[in-house]
Amino acid sequence: MMVHSHSEDICSEIEQVRQQMNVLGCSHGLLHPEVMKCSQQLDKLLIQHYAMEKRRRHKN
């Protein structure tokens, strides 16, 4: 159950960062340093999420 909760936390954080990146991208342009920072953060979260899903699938 702990893994499921952590997975939900990461999904929530992914959505928050994605929304923040969209807002910043619309207001500052896609090449703005803050947008790039959000993009990198989003990449890290997605990699974490995919790794957790892969481990979960191999357990079952």
C-alpha atoms as a PDB file:
ATOM      1  CA  MET A   1       0.000   0.000   0.000  1.00  0.00           C
ATOM      2  CA  MET A   2       2.891   2.370   0.699  1.00  0.00           C
ATOM      3  CA  VAL A   3       4.112   2.053  -2.892  1.00  0.00           C
ATOM      4  CA  HIS A   4       0.647   2.876  -4.192  1.00  0.00           C
ATOM      5  CA  SER A   5       0.502   6.023  -2.040  1.00  0.00           C
ATOM      6  CA  HIS A   6       3.989   7.060  -3.175  1.00  0.00           C
ATOM      7  CA  SER A   7       2.939   6.449  -6.768  1.00  0.00           C
ATOM      8  CA  GLU A   8      -0.070   8.726  -6.270  1.00  0.00           C
ATOM      9  CA  ASP A   9       2.208  11.391  -4.762  1.00  0.00           C
ATOM     10  CA  ILE A  10       4.509  11.273  -7.785  1.00  0.00           C
ATOM     11  CA  CYS A  11       1.543  11.410 -10.171  1.00  0.00           C
ATOM     12  CA  SER A  12       0.234  14.459  -8.338  1.00  0.00           C
ATOM     13  CA  GLU A  13       3.636  16.135  -8.426  1.00  0.00           C
ATOM     14  CA  ILE A  14       4.001  15.310 -12.134  1.00  0.00           C
ATOM     15  CA  GLU A  15       0.692  17.035 -12.825  1.00  0.00           C
ATOM     16  CA  GLN A  16       1.640  20.103 -10.764  1.00  0.00           C
ATOM     17  CA  VAL A  17       4.998  20.503 -12.498  1.00  0.00           C
ATOM     18  CA  ARG A  18       3.397  19.952 -15.913  1.00  0.00           C
ATOM     19  CA  GLN A  19       0.836  22.675 -15.233  1.00  0.00           C
ATOM     20  CA  GLN A  20       3.513  25.038 -13.930  1.00  0.00           C
ATOM     21  CA  MET A  21       5.612  24.413 -17.030  1.00  0.00           C
ATOM     22  CA  ASN A  22       2.627  25.170 -19.274  1.00  0.00           C
ATOM     23  CA  VAL A  23       1.872  28.442 -17.476  1.00  0.00           C
ATOM     24  CA  LEU A  24       5.502  29.540 -17.573  1.00  0.00           C
ATOM     25  CA  GLY A  25       5.849  28.483 -21.196  1.00  0.00           C
ATOM     26  CA  CYS A  26       2.827  30.561 -22.205  1.00  0.00           C
ATOM     27  CA  SER A  27       3.986  33.636 -20.326  1.00  0.00           C
ATOM     28  CA  HIS A  28       7.770  33.506 -20.884  1.00  0.00           C
ATOM     29  CA  GLY A  29       8.279  31.332 -23.961  1.00  0.00           C
ATOM     30  CA  LEU A  30       9.396  27.736 -24.173  1.00  0.00           C
ATOM     31  CA  LEU A  31      13.130  28.486 -24.059  1.00  0.00           C
ATOM     32  CA  HIS A  32      13.012  30.513 -20.838  1.00  0.00           C
ATOM     33  CA  PRO A  33      15.331  29.108 -18.125  1.00  0.00           C
ATOM     34  CA  GLU A  34      12.447  28.554 -15.685  1.00  0.00           C
ATOM     35  CA  VAL A  35      10.549  26.527 -18.287  1.00  0.00           C
ATOM     36  CA  MET A  36      13.655  24.469 -18.964  1.00  0.00           C
ATOM     37  CA  LYS A  37      14.069  23.900 -15.219  1.00  0.00           C
ATOM     38  CA  CYS A  38      10.459  22.661 -14.959  1.00  0.00           C
ATOM     39  CA  SER A  39      11.015  20.417 -17.966  1.00  0.00           C
ATOM     40  CA  GLN A  40      14.054  18.833 -16.352  1.00  0.00           C
ATOM     41  CA  GLN A  41      12.173  18.360 -13.086  1.00  0.00           C
ATOM     42  CA  LEU A  42       9.293  16.771 -14.986  1.00  0.00           C
ATOM     43  CA  ASP A  43      11.702  14.415 -16.766  1.00  0.00           C
ATOM     44  CA  LYS A  44      13.131  13.253 -13.427  1.00  0.00           C
ATOM     45  CA  LEU A  45       9.674  12.663 -11.976  1.00  0.00           C
ATOM     46  CA  LEU A  46       8.554  10.721 -15.041  1.00  0.00           C
ATOM     47  CA  ILE A  47      11.656   8.519 -14.912  1.00  0.00           C
ATOM     48  CA  GLN A  48      10.947   7.832 -11.215  1.00  0.00           C
ATOM     49  CA  HIS A  49       7.334   7.007 -11.985  1.00  0.00           C
ATOM     50  CA  TYR A  50       8.197   4.649 -14.852  1.00  0.00           C
ATOM     51  CA  ALA A  51      10.803   2.879 -12.707  1.00  0.00           C
ATOM     52  CA  MET A  52       8.264   2.376  -9.922  1.00  0.00           C
ATOM     53  CA  GLU A  53       5.708   1.015 -12.380  1.00  0.00           C
ATOM     54  CA  LYS A  54       8.276  -1.356 -13.850  1.00  0.00           C
ATOM     55  CA  ARG A  55       9.199  -2.675 -10.381  1.00  0.00           C
ATOM     56  CA  ARG A  56       5.518  -3.062  -9.509  1.00  0.00           C
ATOM     57  CA  ARG A  57       4.831  -5.052 -12.677  1.00  0.00           C
ATOM     58  CA  HIS A  58       7.791  -7.361 -12.061  1.00  0.00           C
ATOM     59  CA  LYS A  59       6.578  -8.081  -8.525  1.00  0.00           C
ATOM     60  CA  ASN A  60       3.220  -9.355  -9.792  1.00  0.00           C
END
